[in-house]
Protein backbone atom coordinates (compact mmCIF):
# COMPACT_ATOMS: atom_id res chain seq x y z
CA UNK A 1 56.85 63.79 265.97
CA UNK A 2 55.98 65.95 263.01
CA UNK A 3 55.68 63.98 259.74
CA UNK A 4 58.31 66.04 257.93
CA UNK A 5 60.86 65.50 260.73
CA UNK A 6 59.94 61.82 260.83
CA UNK A 7 60.80 61.49 257.13
CA UNK A 8 64.13 63.31 257.57
CA UNK A 9 65.26 61.12 260.46
CA UNK A 10 66.35 58.11 258.31
CA UNK A 11 68.39 60.40 256.03
CA UNK A 12 70.19 61.98 258.96
CA UNK A 13 70.80 58.60 260.62
CA UNK A 14 72.24 57.07 257.43
CA UNK A 15 74.57 60.05 256.97
CA UNK A 16 75.86 59.61 260.53
CA UNK A 17 76.42 55.88 260.01
CA UNK A 18 78.27 56.53 256.73
CA UNK A 19 80.47 59.11 258.46
CA UNK A 20 81.17 56.68 261.32
CA UNK A 21 82.11 53.89 258.87
CA UNK A 22 84.71 56.16 257.27
CA UNK A 23 86.30 56.74 260.69
CA UNK A 24 86.91 53.08 261.59
CA UNK A 25 90.27 52.73 263.37
CA UNK A 26 92.62 50.35 261.59
CA UNK A 27 91.19 51.06 258.16
CA UNK A 28 92.95 53.09 255.54
CA UNK A 29 91.10 55.38 253.19
CA UNK A 30 93.65 54.73 250.42
CA UNK A 31 93.58 52.11 247.72
CA UNK A 32 96.55 49.99 246.74
CA UNK A 33 97.76 47.75 243.94
CA UNK A 34 99.21 44.27 244.28
CA UNK A 35 100.97 43.14 241.11
CA UNK A 36 100.35 39.78 239.43
CA UNK A 37 102.28 36.92 241.05
CA UNK A 38 103.17 39.15 244.00
CA UNK A 39 102.14 39.15 247.64
CA UNK A 40 100.73 42.24 249.38
CA UNK A 41 103.82 42.31 251.65
CA UNK A 42 106.32 40.58 249.31
CA UNK A 43 106.24 37.43 251.44
CA UNK A 44 106.48 33.96 249.96
CA UNK A 45 104.14 31.41 251.52
CA UNK A 46 104.50 27.89 250.17
CA UNK A 47 101.79 25.70 251.66
CA UNK A 48 100.30 22.31 250.81
CA UNK A 49 101.63 22.07 247.28
CA UNK A 50 101.07 25.69 246.32
CA UNK A 51 102.09 29.31 246.68
CA UNK A 52 99.74 31.64 248.55
CA UNK A 53 99.95 35.35 247.75
CA UNK A 54 97.98 37.67 250.02
CA UNK A 55 96.09 40.16 247.85
CA UNK A 56 93.94 41.84 250.52
CA UNK A 57 95.19 41.52 254.08
CA UNK A 58 93.13 41.40 257.24
CA UNK A 59 95.27 44.40 258.25
CA UNK A 60 93.79 46.34 255.32
CA UNK A 61 90.20 45.64 256.37
CA UNK A 62 90.45 45.68 260.17
CA UNK A 63 89.76 41.95 260.09
CA UNK A 64 86.69 42.07 257.86
CA UNK A 65 88.14 40.37 254.77
CA UNK A 66 91.15 38.35 253.60
CA UNK A 67 91.91 37.27 250.02
CA UNK A 68 94.64 34.90 248.85
CA UNK A 69 95.64 33.99 245.31
CA UNK A 70 96.91 30.42 245.37
CA UNK A 71 98.84 28.80 242.54
CA UNK A 72 98.93 25.06 243.03
CA UNK A 73 101.47 22.82 241.34
CA UNK A 74 100.50 19.61 243.10
CA UNK A 75 97.23 17.77 242.98
CA UNK A 76 95.23 17.59 246.18
CA UNK A 77 94.32 19.95 248.97
CA UNK A 78 93.49 20.22 252.66
CA UNK A 79 91.54 17.87 254.87
CA UNK A 80 87.77 18.36 255.13
CA UNK A 81 87.22 21.07 257.70
CA UNK A 82 84.87 23.75 258.90
CA UNK A 83 85.36 27.30 260.09
CA UNK A 84 83.50 28.39 263.20
CA UNK A 85 83.52 32.07 262.23
CA UNK A 86 84.46 32.50 258.54
CA UNK A 87 82.59 32.07 255.31
CA UNK A 88 84.92 30.95 252.51
CA UNK A 89 84.61 31.62 248.77
CA UNK A 90 86.60 29.96 245.99
CA UNK A 91 87.07 31.43 242.50
CA UNK A 92 89.03 29.46 239.90
CA UNK A 93 91.34 31.38 237.59
CA UNK A 94 93.14 28.48 235.91
CA UNK A 95 92.84 24.70 235.88
CA UNK A 96 90.23 22.54 237.60
CA UNK A 97 89.33 22.08 241.24
CA UNK A 98 86.98 19.71 242.97
CA UNK A 99 85.14 21.38 245.84
CA UNK A 100 82.82 19.74 248.33
CA UNK A 101 80.55 21.82 250.57
CA UNK A 102 78.49 19.68 252.91
CA UNK A 103 77.32 16.76 250.76
CA UNK A 104 77.45 18.70 247.45
CA UNK A 105 80.44 18.23 245.12
CA UNK A 106 81.30 20.74 242.42
CA UNK A 107 83.89 20.57 239.65
CA UNK A 108 85.11 24.11 239.05
CA UNK A 109 86.91 25.38 235.95
CA UNK A 110 88.21 28.87 235.14
CA UNK A 111 85.55 31.46 235.96
CA UNK A 112 83.57 29.15 238.29
CA UNK A 113 83.17 29.78 241.99
CA UNK A 114 81.82 28.02 245.07
CA UNK A 115 80.74 29.30 248.48
CA UNK A 116 81.24 27.50 251.80
CA UNK A 117 79.26 29.00 254.70
CA UNK A 118 80.77 28.96 258.17
CA UNK A 119 80.03 25.83 260.23
CA UNK A 120 79.55 23.73 257.06
CA UNK A 121 82.25 21.12 256.37
CA UNK A 122 84.09 21.73 253.11
CA UNK A 123 87.19 20.70 251.23
CA UNK A 124 88.85 21.37 247.87
CA UNK A 125 91.47 19.73 245.71
CA UNK A 126 93.41 20.79 242.64
CA UNK A 127 92.64 18.11 240.06
CA UNK A 128 94.45 19.80 237.16
CA UNK A 129 97.10 17.99 235.15
CA UNK A 130 98.99 21.26 235.05
CA UNK A 131 98.97 24.31 237.24
CA UNK A 132 95.79 25.35 239.04
CA UNK A 133 95.07 28.84 240.31
CA UNK A 134 92.30 29.98 242.61
CA UNK A 135 91.33 33.01 244.68
CA UNK A 136 90.26 32.13 248.22
CA UNK A 137 88.34 34.70 250.24
CA UNK A 138 87.61 34.62 253.98
CA UNK A 139 84.97 36.82 255.58
CA UNK A 140 85.57 37.89 258.29
CA UNK A 141 89.30 37.27 258.25
CA UNK A 142 89.65 36.15 261.85
CA UNK A 143 93.11 34.65 262.41
CA UNK A 144 93.34 33.03 258.97
CA UNK A 145 96.32 35.16 257.93
CA UNK A 146 98.29 33.90 260.93
CA UNK A 147 97.11 30.36 260.15
CA UNK A 148 98.70 30.52 256.69
CA UNK A 149 101.93 31.97 258.14
CA UNK A 150 102.09 29.06 260.62
CA UNK A 151 101.28 26.51 257.89
CA UNK A 152 104.16 27.83 255.77
CA UNK A 153 106.54 26.94 258.61
CA UNK A 154 105.49 23.27 258.27
CA UNK A 155 106.82 22.96 254.71
CA UNK A 156 105.60 23.38 251.18
CA UNK A 157 104.12 19.91 250.60
CA UNK A 158 100.78 18.48 251.69
CA UNK A 159 101.53 16.91 255.08
CA UNK A 160 100.86 13.18 255.43
CA UNK A 161 98.07 12.29 257.86
CA UNK A 162 97.14 15.95 258.08
CA UNK A 163 93.87 15.10 259.86
CA UNK A 164 95.89 13.97 262.89
CA UNK A 165 99.11 15.96 262.72
CA UNK A 166 97.53 19.39 262.25
CA UNK A 167 94.36 19.29 264.38
CA UNK A 168 95.81 21.52 267.10
CA UNK A 169 97.00 24.20 264.67
CA UNK A 170 93.61 24.27 262.94
CA UNK A 171 91.75 24.41 266.27
CA UNK A 172 93.93 27.31 267.42
CA UNK A 173 92.70 29.27 264.37
CA UNK A 174 88.97 28.60 264.73
CA UNK A 175 88.66 25.55 262.51
CA UNK A 176 88.00 21.88 262.98
CA UNK A 177 89.22 19.03 260.78
CA UNK A 178 86.25 16.71 260.27
CA UNK A 179 87.50 14.31 257.61
CA UNK A 180 90.21 13.35 255.12
CA UNK A 181 91.22 15.22 251.96
CA UNK A 182 89.20 14.55 248.80
CA UNK A 183 89.97 11.43 246.83
CA UNK A 184 89.75 11.85 243.06
């Protein structure tokens, strides 16, 4: 291959890939706004002592990304678990949260974040005296949006003995409960 053509090949290939990425079925090429304290679809999900507002839906990203804003009024959080296929990222907006990823524990305040890679056990708990607020991001989204919809049907409080009573629901959505909620 002639050197000049060889040098042009990566430019042409990258242009084709960029064009293909703009033509992904299921993805919109339009932006959107979700107002403060509102859900993307005006749904109200009350789960485990908090309200979960979807800010970016898996429907918006063809399953690549899901973001929830959770405002928690109760202390505590879910059982220690792992995701088989999702990385999870936590970003605190208000209050304090205790997050454990593997053996590492982090106390997070407003502006702090923590990352939990897939297949690594993790857990979080609102430890604020008042309201706590945190963004939770899942990548890829998988069936997490359906998981939260199913959780909302179980009631707004943190279920007792969640490690036992909810194992099947978590397993159905690509997660495994591996321990109890955090004690603080």
